[in-house]
Amino acid sequence: MGNRKWLRTITCLLLVGCGAFYWYRHHGLKYSAVCRGCNVILIVIDSLRASELPCLGYKINTAPYLCTFASGAVTFSQAYANSTWTRPSNMSILTSLYPPSHGMIDPIANTLNPKVQTIPRILAQHGYTTQFISNDEPNIGIELGYDREFQTIRLTPGSFVDKTMQSWFSAIDAVKHDNQLGKSAFAYFHTHHVHDYVDNILDIPKSFPLDPSYRVPKIPSINLFTDLTEQLMRNYFVFTQQNSRVATTVSQAESWIQELDQTKTREQAHEMFLRLPQNIRDEIYKNLVETVVTQPDPTKIAPLYRHMYDESIRTMDLSIIKIFDYIKKNGLDDQTIVIVTSDHGQLLGEHGVIGHINGISQDEVHVPLFIRIPGVPARITDALTQNIDLFPTILDLVGIGIPKELAGISLVGELLGRPNATKNTFVLSHTTLPFLMYSIQTNRWRLIEAQYPQGLYHALYDLPRDPGELNSVASWEEPTVSRLTALIHETLRRQPVYPPLSPSFPEWINEKDRDKRTNN
């Protein structure tokens, strides 16, 4: 009798074990630590604000394919960037440090301090191959530290995804090849496709294909002869002279500046304009339109800008589905974590501004975040998250220890829907453009601190009652202002500070030789 009882016990244990093993194998948890050894593909769509996507509440179907991807992923509806512009925000993704900590906060040439830990470095130490795929634009340029941190750099020809597709496919081919060699892979894709939406101003579509009832705003009438100024041309030529990435030689730009110096009237400047190559005239025209239509009241032209912005999201979406399909076609989808997010948002007339470096309002930092993990059920969560959380989350997902100096938290508990998941009680953003500004946001409050030349300024918004941040309540919520202000500075004070490396300058840059060059 005892033997039979013992046999029944063993049989039950075996059945339970087999059932657990079956569940373990078929629910994406076949890798301990959720997805040990999985590839990681991180796609950063520059300037994509969350509120312009239909799966996050937008009224127009700008991105059906991206939202189809999101329907199979975990969607974080309250994800925020740690800065309002490209350089510091991408560095916060890369390092899990707030911008004042990693130090890459100024629009000048510098390089990330090599003492800073980065996602690709940690993953490479654990056997991963690492790739960085982007156009070599100044604020995402490889000399900022990407060339040191990634094993492979793939520079794409231009900003728009359709022109960079082959580079993206090659990167995915490399992931598959690495897997065949027994290596896991990490690929960081960055695209300026949405960021450069104003470049479409010369070819604005007459309809919005995904919404037949949509009416395209009219472009304002601009007379080049009247509005083209010598200063605008000069600004473009000087930019060309200083930026080796544009398709014009420095010597050509210098000769144009000399020719412009010789013009004495606007008519002569316009005649010079007509003699320029077509691609250069187009660039100047785009700069002209952007300059003219945003002055003095950008809200009048906001519908046109929103249309161009939405159109850039739509065309990006048509390309990004090819990436998702290519991942699946190569048999990588069941062993690859795919993350789609943005480095910052964009204002489209809100607060009288078009752009993303004029303040630190919510639309400038509220970004999409979709994380698809093999076998992890799709869900939507409103937990507060920020870009610095991606680094520790990736390490936690693939079973690598998280360095203690990272400022972000792992989102794994939230990804799996655990009731005791670690959560942010606030998110924090920072910018130095146009002035030093901070923002801190909780589930209820959003505080902005700005250090204007005329003095310190605070604005406080009660988000449930004022989601558009239209009416500051700072004057009658002084205790809240004081508490959140202290939390900003206490948080940053606890973080290490890594001064960036300054670039080496030519030997001739000294007082004596500089004066000599100037006098010549």
Protein backbone atom coordinates (compact mmCIF):
# COMPACT_ATOMS: atom_id res chain seq x y z
CA MET A 1 0.00 0.00 0.00
CA GLY A 2 2.80 2.34 0.90
CA ASN A 3 4.56 1.61 -2.37
CA ARG A 4 1.40 2.46 -4.35
CA LYS A 5 1.02 5.78 -2.49
CA TRP A 6 4.64 6.56 -3.14
CA LEU A 7 4.19 5.66 -6.85
CA ARG A 8 1.10 7.90 -7.12
CA THR A 9 3.08 10.76 -5.56
CA ILE A 10 5.94 10.34 -8.00
CA THR A 11 3.49 10.14 -10.92
CA CYS A 12 1.76 13.36 -9.83
CA LEU A 13 5.08 15.14 -9.47
CA LEU A 14 6.11 14.01 -12.94
CA LEU A 15 2.81 15.21 -14.43
CA VAL A 16 3.14 18.57 -12.70
CA GLY A 17 6.73 18.81 -13.86
CA CYS A 18 5.82 17.98 -17.45
CA GLY A 19 2.99 20.53 -17.40
CA ALA A 20 5.30 23.19 -16.01
CA PHE A 21 7.91 22.34 -18.63
CA TYR A 22 5.31 22.61 -21.42
CA TRP A 23 4.15 26.02 -20.14
CA TYR A 24 7.76 27.08 -19.70
CA ARG A 25 8.53 26.16 -23.31
CA HIS A 26 5.44 27.72 -24.90
CA HIS A 27 4.90 30.99 -23.04
CA GLY A 28 8.13 32.79 -23.88
CA LEU A 29 9.78 32.02 -20.57
CA LYS A 30 11.98 29.32 -21.98
CA TYR A 31 14.85 31.65 -21.17
CA SER A 32 15.27 32.31 -17.48
CA ALA A 33 15.32 36.05 -16.68
CA VAL A 34 12.35 36.28 -19.12
CA CYS A 35 14.41 36.16 -22.32
CA ARG A 36 17.97 35.10 -21.57
CA GLY A 37 20.13 35.25 -24.68
CA CYS A 38 17.52 37.06 -26.76
CA ASN A 39 18.56 39.57 -29.39
CA VAL A 40 17.59 43.19 -28.68
CA ILE A 41 16.55 45.59 -31.43
CA LEU A 42 16.02 49.15 -30.21
CA ILE A 43 14.40 51.55 -32.70
CA VAL A 44 14.48 55.26 -31.82
CA ILE A 45 12.26 57.41 -34.06
CA ASP A 46 13.55 60.92 -33.49
CA SER A 47 10.95 63.59 -32.57
CA LEU A 48 7.94 61.24 -32.53
CA ARG A 49 5.47 62.56 -29.99
CA ALA A 50 3.13 60.08 -28.35
CA SER A 51 -0.10 62.00 -28.90
CA GLU A 52 0.21 61.81 -32.70
CA LEU A 53 -0.28 58.03 -32.84
CA PRO A 54 -3.77 56.49 -33.14
CA CYS A 55 -2.95 53.74 -30.62
CA LEU A 56 -2.22 56.50 -28.10
CA GLY A 57 -5.36 58.51 -28.77
CA TYR A 58 -4.80 60.48 -32.00
CA LYS A 59 -7.86 60.99 -34.22
CA ILE A 60 -6.04 60.33 -37.52
CA ASN A 61 -4.67 56.95 -38.52
CA THR A 62 -1.08 58.10 -38.99
CA ALA A 63 0.65 54.80 -38.15
CA PRO A 64 -1.47 51.67 -38.64
CA TYR A 65 1.53 49.33 -38.92
CA LEU A 66 3.35 50.66 -35.88
CA CYS A 67 0.10 50.40 -33.92
CA THR A 68 -0.40 46.84 -35.16
CA PHE A 69 3.05 46.09 -33.75
CA ALA A 70 1.99 47.82 -30.51
CA SER A 71 -1.07 45.57 -30.26
CA GLY A 72 1.30 42.65 -29.76
CA ALA A 73 3.59 44.48 -27.36
CA VAL A 74 3.48 46.06 -23.92
CA THR A 75 2.50 49.70 -24.42
CA PHE A 76 3.65 52.31 -21.89
CA SER A 77 1.21 55.19 -22.37
CA GLN A 78 3.06 57.46 -19.92
CA ALA A 79 6.64 57.26 -21.19
CA TYR A 80 8.83 60.35 -21.10
CA ALA A 81 12.14 61.45 -22.55
CA ASN A 82 14.78 62.89 -20.25
CA SER A 83 15.46 65.83 -22.56
CA THR A 84 13.78 67.82 -25.32
CA TRP A 85 16.44 67.34 -27.96
CA THR A 86 18.39 64.61 -29.67
CA ARG A 87 21.91 64.60 -28.22
CA PRO A 88 21.25 64.47 -24.46
CA SER A 89 18.16 62.29 -24.82
CA ASN A 90 19.85 59.56 -26.86
CA MET A 91 22.76 59.64 -24.44
CA SER A 92 20.33 59.10 -21.56
CA ILE A 93 18.97 56.04 -23.39
CA LEU A 94 22.51 54.81 -23.95
CA THR A 95 23.73 55.39 -20.38
CA SER A 96 20.69 55.35 -18.06
CA LEU A 97 21.89 58.67 -16.66
CA TYR A 98 20.09 62.00 -16.45
CA PRO A 99 21.56 64.60 -18.85
CA PRO A 100 23.42 66.62 -16.18
CA SER A 101 25.07 63.37 -15.10
CA HIS A 102 26.32 62.11 -18.48
CA GLY A 103 27.23 65.69 -19.42
CA MET A 104 26.30 65.64 -23.12
CA ILE A 105 24.04 68.66 -22.80
CA ASP A 106 25.60 71.38 -24.96
CA PRO A 107 25.29 71.88 -28.74
CA ILE A 108 29.06 71.83 -29.20
CA ALA A 109 31.44 69.11 -30.27
CA ASN A 110 32.30 66.83 -27.36
CA THR A 111 32.50 63.13 -26.58
CA LEU A 112 30.91 60.95 -23.91
CA ASN A 113 33.24 60.33 -20.97
CA PRO A 114 34.65 56.78 -21.35
CA LYS A 115 34.05 56.13 -17.64
CA VAL A 116 30.30 56.04 -18.31
CA GLN A 117 28.77 52.57 -18.65
CA THR A 118 26.67 52.06 -21.78
CA ILE A 119 24.21 49.43 -23.03
CA PRO A 120 26.43 48.18 -25.87
CA ARG A 121 29.52 47.98 -23.67
CA ILE A 122 27.82 45.87 -20.99
CA LEU A 123 26.16 43.62 -23.56
CA ALA A 124 29.45 43.14 -25.43
CA GLN A 125 31.11 42.10 -22.17
CA HIS A 126 28.54 39.30 -22.01
CA GLY A 127 29.11 38.04 -25.54
CA TYR A 128 26.71 40.20 -27.54
CA THR A 129 27.59 41.76 -30.86
CA THR A 130 26.58 45.42 -31.07
CA GLN A 131 25.59 47.67 -33.98
CA PHE A 132 24.65 51.34 -34.30
CA ILE A 133 22.63 52.33 -37.39
CA SER A 134 21.97 56.02 -38.08
CA ASN A 135 22.69 58.93 -40.35
CA ASP A 136 25.74 60.83 -39.11
CA GLU A 137 23.85 63.96 -38.07
CA PRO A 138 25.72 66.25 -35.61
CA ASN A 139 23.53 65.49 -32.58
CA ILE A 140 23.70 61.74 -33.16
CA GLY A 141 27.17 61.76 -34.75
CA ILE A 142 29.47 58.81 -34.19
CA GLU A 143 32.22 61.07 -32.82
CA LEU A 144 30.06 61.76 -29.77
CA GLY A 145 31.07 58.33 -28.48
CA TYR A 146 29.01 55.90 -30.53
CA ASP A 147 32.06 54.83 -32.55
CA ARG A 148 33.81 53.82 -29.34
CA GLU A 149 30.87 52.04 -27.71
CA PHE A 150 29.56 49.99 -30.65
CA GLN A 151 31.48 47.27 -32.46
CA THR A 152 29.86 48.05 -35.82
CA ILE A 153 28.71 51.42 -37.18
CA ARG A 154 26.37 51.57 -40.18
CA LEU A 155 25.93 55.12 -41.47
CA THR A 156 22.78 55.55 -43.51
CA PRO A 157 22.53 57.78 -46.60
CA GLY A 158 20.27 60.55 -45.33
CA SER A 159 17.45 60.90 -42.84
CA PHE A 160 14.49 59.24 -44.50
CA VAL A 161 13.79 55.58 -43.79
CA ASP A 162 13.02 54.64 -47.40
CA LYS A 163 16.55 55.71 -48.38
CA THR A 164 18.15 53.91 -45.45
CA MET A 165 16.23 50.67 -45.73
CA GLN A 166 19.09 48.65 -47.19
CA SER A 167 21.33 49.62 -44.26
CA TRP A 168 18.60 48.46 -41.87
CA PHE A 169 18.18 45.17 -43.74
CA SER A 170 21.94 44.63 -43.65
CA ALA A 171 21.94 45.15 -39.90
CA ILE A 172 19.19 42.53 -39.47
CA ASP A 173 21.11 40.16 -41.75
CA ALA A 174 24.08 40.62 -39.42
CA VAL A 175 21.89 39.75 -36.41
CA LYS A 176 20.85 36.51 -38.10
CA HIS A 177 24.46 35.72 -39.02
CA ASP A 178 25.59 36.32 -35.44
CA ASN A 179 22.86 34.00 -34.17
CA GLN A 180 24.03 31.28 -36.56
CA LEU A 181 27.48 31.63 -34.97
CA GLY A 182 25.94 31.21 -31.53
CA LYS A 183 26.09 34.90 -30.58
CA SER A 184 23.25 37.15 -29.45
CA ALA A 185 23.01 40.62 -30.98
CA PHE A 186 22.06 44.17 -30.01
CA ALA A 187 21.16 46.72 -32.70
CA TYR A 188 20.39 50.39 -32.01
CA PHE A 189 18.49 51.93 -34.94
CA HIS A 190 18.00 55.69 -35.04
CA THR A 191 16.06 57.58 -37.72
CA HIS A 192 15.54 61.31 -38.32
CA HIS A 193 12.65 60.62 -40.69
CA VAL A 194 10.00 62.30 -38.53
CA HIS A 195 12.40 64.90 -37.14
CA ASP A 196 13.04 66.27 -40.65
CA TYR A 197 9.36 66.59 -41.55
CA VAL A 198 9.77 70.21 -42.72
CA ASP A 199 11.91 68.91 -45.58
CA ASN A 200 8.63 67.84 -47.21
CA ILE A 201 7.48 71.43 -47.60
CA LEU A 202 8.38 71.44 -51.31
CA ASP A 203 6.28 68.34 -51.95
CA ILE A 204 3.28 68.47 -49.67
CA PRO A 205 0.75 65.75 -50.58
CA LYS A 206 -2.69 66.94 -51.61
CA SER A 207 -4.49 64.33 -49.50
CA PHE A 208 -3.94 62.05 -46.55
CA PRO A 209 -4.28 58.50 -47.95
CA LEU A 210 -5.39 56.92 -44.69
CA ASP A 211 -8.20 59.40 -44.12
CA PRO A 212 -10.10 60.42 -47.31
CA SER A 213 -12.12 63.07 -45.48
CA TYR A 214 -8.98 64.87 -44.34
CA ARG A 215 -8.39 68.29 -45.90
CA VAL A 216 -4.81 69.46 -46.37
CA PRO A 217 -4.07 73.01 -45.16
CA LYS A 218 -2.82 75.45 -47.78
CA ILE A 219 0.77 76.56 -47.86
CA PRO A 220 1.07 80.33 -47.34
CA SER A 221 1.97 82.46 -50.33
CA ILE A 222 5.62 83.51 -50.15
CA ASN A 223 7.27 85.83 -52.65
CA LEU A 224 10.92 84.89 -52.90
CA PHE A 225 11.83 88.24 -54.40
CA THR A 226 10.31 90.04 -51.42
CA ASP A 227 11.13 87.67 -48.61
CA LEU A 228 14.52 86.23 -49.57
CA THR A 229 17.10 88.16 -47.60
CA GLU A 230 20.85 88.25 -47.84
CA GLN A 231 21.06 87.21 -44.19
CA LEU A 232 19.11 84.02 -44.83
CA MET A 233 21.45 83.06 -47.66
CA ARG A 234 24.46 83.96 -45.58
CA ASN A 235 23.21 81.83 -42.67
CA TYR A 236 22.85 78.84 -44.97
CA PHE A 237 26.25 79.34 -46.58
CA VAL A 238 27.97 79.67 -43.20
CA PHE A 239 26.20 76.53 -42.00
CA THR A 240 27.41 74.76 -45.13
CA GLN A 241 30.93 76.00 -44.53
CA GLN A 242 30.95 74.69 -40.96
CA ASN A 243 29.16 71.40 -41.50
CA SER A 244 31.04 68.76 -43.46
CA ARG A 245 27.93 66.56 -43.68
CA VAL A 246 26.06 68.70 -46.20
CA ALA A 247 26.48 67.98 -49.89
CA THR A 248 28.57 71.06 -50.62
CA THR A 249 32.29 71.59 -50.26
CA VAL A 250 33.65 74.12 -47.79
CA SER A 251 35.53 75.91 -50.58
CA GLN A 252 32.30 76.25 -52.58
CA ALA A 253 30.51 77.71 -49.57
CA GLU A 254 33.35 80.17 -49.04
CA SER A 255 33.18 81.31 -52.66
CA TRP A 256 29.43 81.85 -52.32
CA ILE A 257 29.98 83.96 -49.21
CA GLN A 258 32.49 86.09 -51.13
CA GLU A 259 30.06 86.48 -54.02
CA LEU A 260 27.27 87.43 -51.63
CA ASP A 261 29.53 90.03 -50.03
CA GLN A 262 29.81 91.71 -53.42
CA THR A 263 26.07 92.07 -53.94
CA LYS A 264 24.78 95.53 -53.16
CA THR A 265 21.01 95.16 -53.56
CA ARG A 266 18.33 92.59 -52.85
CA GLU A 267 17.81 92.25 -56.58
CA GLN A 268 21.45 91.20 -57.02
CA ALA A 269 21.13 88.73 -54.17
CA HIS A 270 18.06 87.25 -55.83
CA GLU A 271 19.88 86.95 -59.15
CA MET A 272 22.64 85.09 -57.34
CA PHE A 273 20.02 82.83 -55.79
CA LEU A 274 18.70 81.89 -59.24
CA ARG A 275 22.22 80.91 -60.36
CA LEU A 276 22.68 78.44 -57.49
CA PRO A 277 22.27 74.67 -58.05
CA GLN A 278 18.69 73.47 -57.71
CA ASN A 279 19.38 71.39 -54.58
CA ILE A 280 20.91 74.41 -52.83
CA ARG A 281 17.98 76.63 -53.86
CA ASP A 282 15.63 74.02 -52.41
CA GLU A 283 17.49 73.99 -49.10
CA ILE A 284 17.43 77.80 -48.87
CA TYR A 285 13.75 77.84 -49.84
CA LYS A 286 12.89 75.36 -47.09
CA ASN A 287 14.77 77.47 -44.57
CA LEU A 288 13.02 80.56 -45.89
CA VAL A 289 9.56 79.03 -45.55
CA GLU A 290 10.32 77.81 -42.05
CA THR A 291 11.67 81.22 -41.05
CA VAL A 292 8.85 83.27 -42.56
CA VAL A 293 5.83 81.21 -41.58
CA THR A 294 6.80 80.91 -37.93
CA GLN A 295 7.08 84.66 -37.44
CA PRO A 296 5.55 86.37 -35.65
CA ASP A 297 2.67 83.99 -34.79
CA PRO A 298 3.47 80.30 -35.40
CA THR A 299 -0.04 79.20 -34.43
CA LYS A 300 -1.37 80.54 -37.76
CA ILE A 301 0.70 78.05 -39.68
CA ALA A 302 0.42 75.19 -37.16
CA PRO A 303 -2.18 73.21 -39.21
CA LEU A 304 0.23 73.05 -42.15
CA TYR A 305 3.08 71.96 -39.92
CA ARG A 306 0.91 69.33 -38.29
CA HIS A 307 -0.03 67.99 -41.70
CA MET A 308 3.63 67.72 -42.74
CA TYR A 309 4.43 66.09 -39.41
CA ASP A 310 1.57 63.57 -39.73
CA GLU A 311 2.61 62.83 -43.30
CA SER A 312 6.17 62.08 -42.17
CA ILE A 313 4.80 59.65 -39.57
CA ARG A 314 2.70 57.96 -42.27
CA THR A 315 5.66 57.50 -44.63
CA MET A 316 7.83 56.33 -41.75
CA ASP A 317 5.15 53.79 -40.90
CA LEU A 318 5.11 52.44 -44.47
CA SER A 319 8.83 51.76 -44.15
CA ILE A 320 8.99 50.45 -40.61
CA ILE A 321 6.53 47.63 -41.40
CA LYS A 322 9.18 46.34 -43.81
CA ILE A 323 11.60 46.11 -40.90
CA PHE A 324 9.13 44.16 -38.76
CA ASP A 325 8.40 41.85 -41.70
CA TYR A 326 12.10 41.35 -42.38
CA ILE A 327 12.72 40.37 -38.76
CA LYS A 328 9.96 37.79 -39.02
CA LYS A 329 11.04 36.61 -42.49
CA ASN A 330 14.49 35.81 -41.10
CA GLY A 331 13.04 33.76 -38.26
CA LEU A 332 14.18 36.17 -35.57
CA ASP A 333 10.87 37.24 -34.03
CA ASP A 334 10.69 34.39 -31.50
CA GLN A 335 14.15 35.16 -30.15
CA THR A 336 14.27 38.95 -30.38
CA ILE A 337 13.09 41.70 -28.06
CA VAL A 338 11.97 44.69 -30.14
CA ILE A 339 11.65 48.13 -28.53
CA VAL A 340 10.25 51.17 -30.33
CA THR A 341 10.43 54.61 -28.74
CA SER A 342 11.48 58.20 -29.37
CA ASP A 343 14.09 60.53 -27.93
CA HIS A 344 11.73 63.51 -27.60
CA GLY A 345 8.46 64.94 -28.84
CA GLN A 346 7.45 68.02 -30.80
CA LEU A 347 5.29 71.10 -30.37
CA LEU A 348 2.91 71.82 -33.25
CA GLY A 349 1.50 75.16 -32.19
CA GLU A 350 0.86 74.37 -28.53
CA HIS A 351 1.96 77.26 -26.30
CA GLY A 352 2.54 79.32 -29.46
CA VAL A 353 5.56 77.24 -30.47
CA ILE A 354 6.53 74.94 -33.34
CA GLY A 355 9.59 72.85 -32.56
CA HIS A 356 11.19 71.14 -29.58
CA ILE A 357 13.93 73.35 -28.17
CA ASN A 358 11.88 76.28 -26.96
CA GLY A 359 10.88 74.95 -23.56
CA ILE A 360 10.13 71.73 -21.74
CA SER A 361 6.39 71.26 -22.06
CA GLN A 362 4.77 67.83 -21.93
CA ASP A 363 4.39 67.37 -25.70
CA GLU A 364 8.14 67.89 -26.05
CA VAL A 365 8.96 64.94 -23.77
CA HIS A 366 5.94 62.60 -23.94
CA VAL A 367 7.02 59.76 -26.23
CA PRO A 368 5.71 56.35 -27.32
CA LEU A 369 7.22 53.21 -25.82
CA PHE A 370 6.35 49.74 -27.13
CA ILE A 371 8.24 46.65 -25.96
CA ARG A 372 7.58 43.29 -27.61
CA ILE A 373 9.05 40.25 -25.86
CA PRO A 374 8.60 36.71 -27.21
CA GLY A 375 5.80 35.05 -25.27
CA VAL A 376 4.95 38.01 -23.02
CA PRO A 377 1.27 39.00 -23.44
CA ALA A 378 0.40 42.40 -24.84
CA ARG A 379 -1.00 44.94 -22.43
CA ILE A 380 -1.28 48.68 -21.88
CA THR A 381 0.07 50.24 -18.73
CA ASP A 382 -0.06 53.83 -17.53
CA ALA A 383 2.93 53.40 -15.22
CA LEU A 384 5.31 56.37 -15.39
CA THR A 385 8.44 55.47 -17.32
CA GLN A 386 11.40 57.39 -18.70
CA ASN A 387 14.12 56.72 -21.25
CA ILE A 388 16.74 55.99 -18.60
CA ASP A 389 14.71 52.87 -17.69
CA LEU A 390 15.51 51.13 -21.00
CA PHE A 391 19.12 50.22 -20.17
CA PRO A 392 18.38 48.40 -16.88
CA THR A 393 15.25 46.84 -18.39
CA ILE A 394 17.21 45.35 -21.30
CA LEU A 395 19.85 43.92 -18.96
CA ASP A 396 17.21 42.47 -16.66
CA LEU A 397 15.29 40.90 -19.55
CA VAL A 398 18.33 39.05 -20.90
CA GLY A 399 19.65 38.03 -17.48
CA ILE A 400 22.58 40.41 -16.97
CA GLY A 401 23.23 42.14 -13.66
CA ILE A 402 22.34 45.84 -13.48
CA PRO A 403 25.21 48.21 -12.54
CA LYS A 404 24.38 50.13 -9.38
CA GLU A 405 25.27 53.53 -10.89
CA LEU A 406 22.38 53.46 -13.38
CA ALA A 407 19.68 56.00 -12.56
CA GLY A 408 16.80 54.14 -14.21
CA ILE A 409 14.73 51.22 -12.94
CA SER A 410 13.99 47.86 -14.51
CA LEU A 411 10.50 47.70 -16.03
CA VAL A 412 10.44 43.90 -16.08
CA GLY A 413 7.93 43.64 -13.23
CA GLU A 414 5.61 46.04 -15.05
CA LEU A 415 6.16 44.23 -18.36
CA LEU A 416 4.99 40.99 -16.74
CA GLY A 417 2.11 42.65 -14.89
CA ARG A 418 3.40 41.76 -11.46
CA PRO A 419 1.41 43.44 -8.67
CA ASN A 420 4.58 44.24 -6.72
CA ALA A 421 6.43 45.71 -9.73
CA THR A 422 8.92 48.49 -9.07
CA LYS A 423 7.45 51.79 -10.28
CA ASN A 424 8.62 55.34 -10.79
CA THR A 425 6.90 57.87 -8.56
CA PHE A 426 8.12 60.64 -10.86
CA VAL A 427 9.93 61.26 -14.14
CA LEU A 428 12.47 64.02 -14.69
CA SER A 429 13.55 65.94 -17.80
CA HIS A 430 16.23 68.56 -18.43
CA THR A 431 17.31 70.89 -21.22
CA THR A 432 19.80 73.69 -21.77
CA LEU A 433 18.01 75.03 -24.86
CA PRO A 434 17.14 77.86 -24.96
CA PHE A 435 17.76 78.17 -21.22
CA LEU A 436 18.46 75.80 -18.34
CA MET A 437 15.14 74.10 -17.56
CA TYR A 438 13.91 71.14 -15.53
CA SER A 439 10.58 69.38 -15.36
CA ILE A 440 9.34 66.78 -12.93
CA GLN A 441 6.08 64.91 -13.30
CA THR A 442 4.06 62.70 -10.99
CA ASN A 443 0.71 61.10 -11.67
CA ARG A 444 -0.94 64.39 -10.71
CA TRP A 445 1.53 67.27 -10.83
CA ARG A 446 3.91 68.64 -13.44
CA LEU A 447 6.43 71.26 -12.33
CA ILE A 448 8.67 73.30 -14.64
CA GLU A 449 11.65 75.23 -13.32
CA ALA A 450 13.29 77.65 -15.76
CA GLN A 451 16.37 79.74 -15.12
CA TYR A 452 15.63 82.71 -17.37
CA PRO A 453 18.06 85.64 -17.65
CA GLN A 454 15.59 87.76 -15.69
CA GLY A 455 15.34 85.23 -12.87
CA LEU A 456 14.04 81.87 -11.65
CA TYR A 457 10.56 80.86 -12.82
CA HIS A 458 8.26 78.04 -11.68
CA ALA A 459 5.07 76.76 -13.28
CA LEU A 460 2.93 74.01 -11.74
CA TYR A 461 0.13 72.17 -13.51
CA ASP A 462 -2.58 69.96 -12.06
CA LEU A 463 -2.64 67.42 -14.90
CA PRO A 464 -6.03 65.74 -14.26
CA ARG A 465 -7.69 69.17 -14.43
CA ASP A 466 -5.30 70.82 -16.89
CA PRO A 467 -3.71 68.24 -19.23
CA GLY A 468 -2.79 70.95 -21.74
CA GLU A 469 -0.69 72.85 -19.19
CA LEU A 470 -2.56 76.10 -19.75
CA ASN A 471 -2.98 77.46 -16.23
CA SER A 472 -0.19 77.37 -13.69
CA VAL A 473 -1.30 76.95 -10.07
CA ALA A 474 2.17 77.60 -8.64
CA SER A 475 1.09 80.73 -6.76
CA TRP A 476 -1.45 78.89 -4.59
CA GLU A 477 0.33 75.52 -4.38
CA GLU A 478 3.61 76.77 -2.93
CA PRO A 479 4.21 73.70 -0.71
CA THR A 480 3.91 71.45 -3.77
CA VAL A 481 6.26 73.69 -5.73
CA SER A 482 8.81 73.59 -2.92
CA ARG A 483 8.55 69.81 -2.51
CA LEU A 484 8.93 69.04 -6.22
CA THR A 485 11.71 71.59 -6.69
CA ALA A 486 13.65 69.99 -3.85
CA LEU A 487 13.04 66.54 -5.35
CA ILE A 488 14.53 67.63 -8.70
CA HIS A 489 17.74 68.90 -7.17
CA GLU A 490 18.09 66.19 -4.55
CA THR A 491 17.72 63.54 -7.27
CA LEU A 492 20.36 65.13 -9.49
CA ARG A 493 22.67 65.84 -6.55
CA ARG A 494 22.83 62.12 -5.76
CA GLN A 495 23.95 61.27 -9.29
CA PRO A 496 27.60 61.01 -10.36
CA VAL A 497 28.79 63.64 -12.83
CA TYR A 498 30.91 62.65 -15.83
CA PRO A 499 32.39 65.66 -17.66
CA PRO A 500 32.44 65.01 -21.41
CA LEU A 501 35.72 64.97 -23.29
CA SER A 502 36.47 68.08 -25.33
CA PRO A 503 37.67 67.53 -28.88
CA SER A 504 41.27 68.21 -29.77
CA PHE A 505 41.69 71.51 -31.62
CA PRO A 506 44.22 72.31 -34.36
CA GLU A 507 47.55 73.68 -33.18
CA TRP A 508 46.93 77.01 -34.88
CA ILE A 509 44.16 77.85 -32.39
CA ASN A 510 46.15 80.10 -30.07
CA GLU A 511 46.09 83.85 -29.61
CA LYS A 512 49.05 84.68 -31.86
CA ASP A 513 48.14 82.44 -34.80
CA ARG A 514 44.43 83.20 -34.54
CA ASP A 515 45.14 86.92 -34.85
CA LYS A 516 47.38 86.20 -37.81
CA ARG A 517 44.66 84.23 -39.60
CA THR A 518 42.05 86.88 -38.78
CA ASN A 519 44.19 89.72 -40.18
CA ASN A 520 44.79 87.77 -43.35
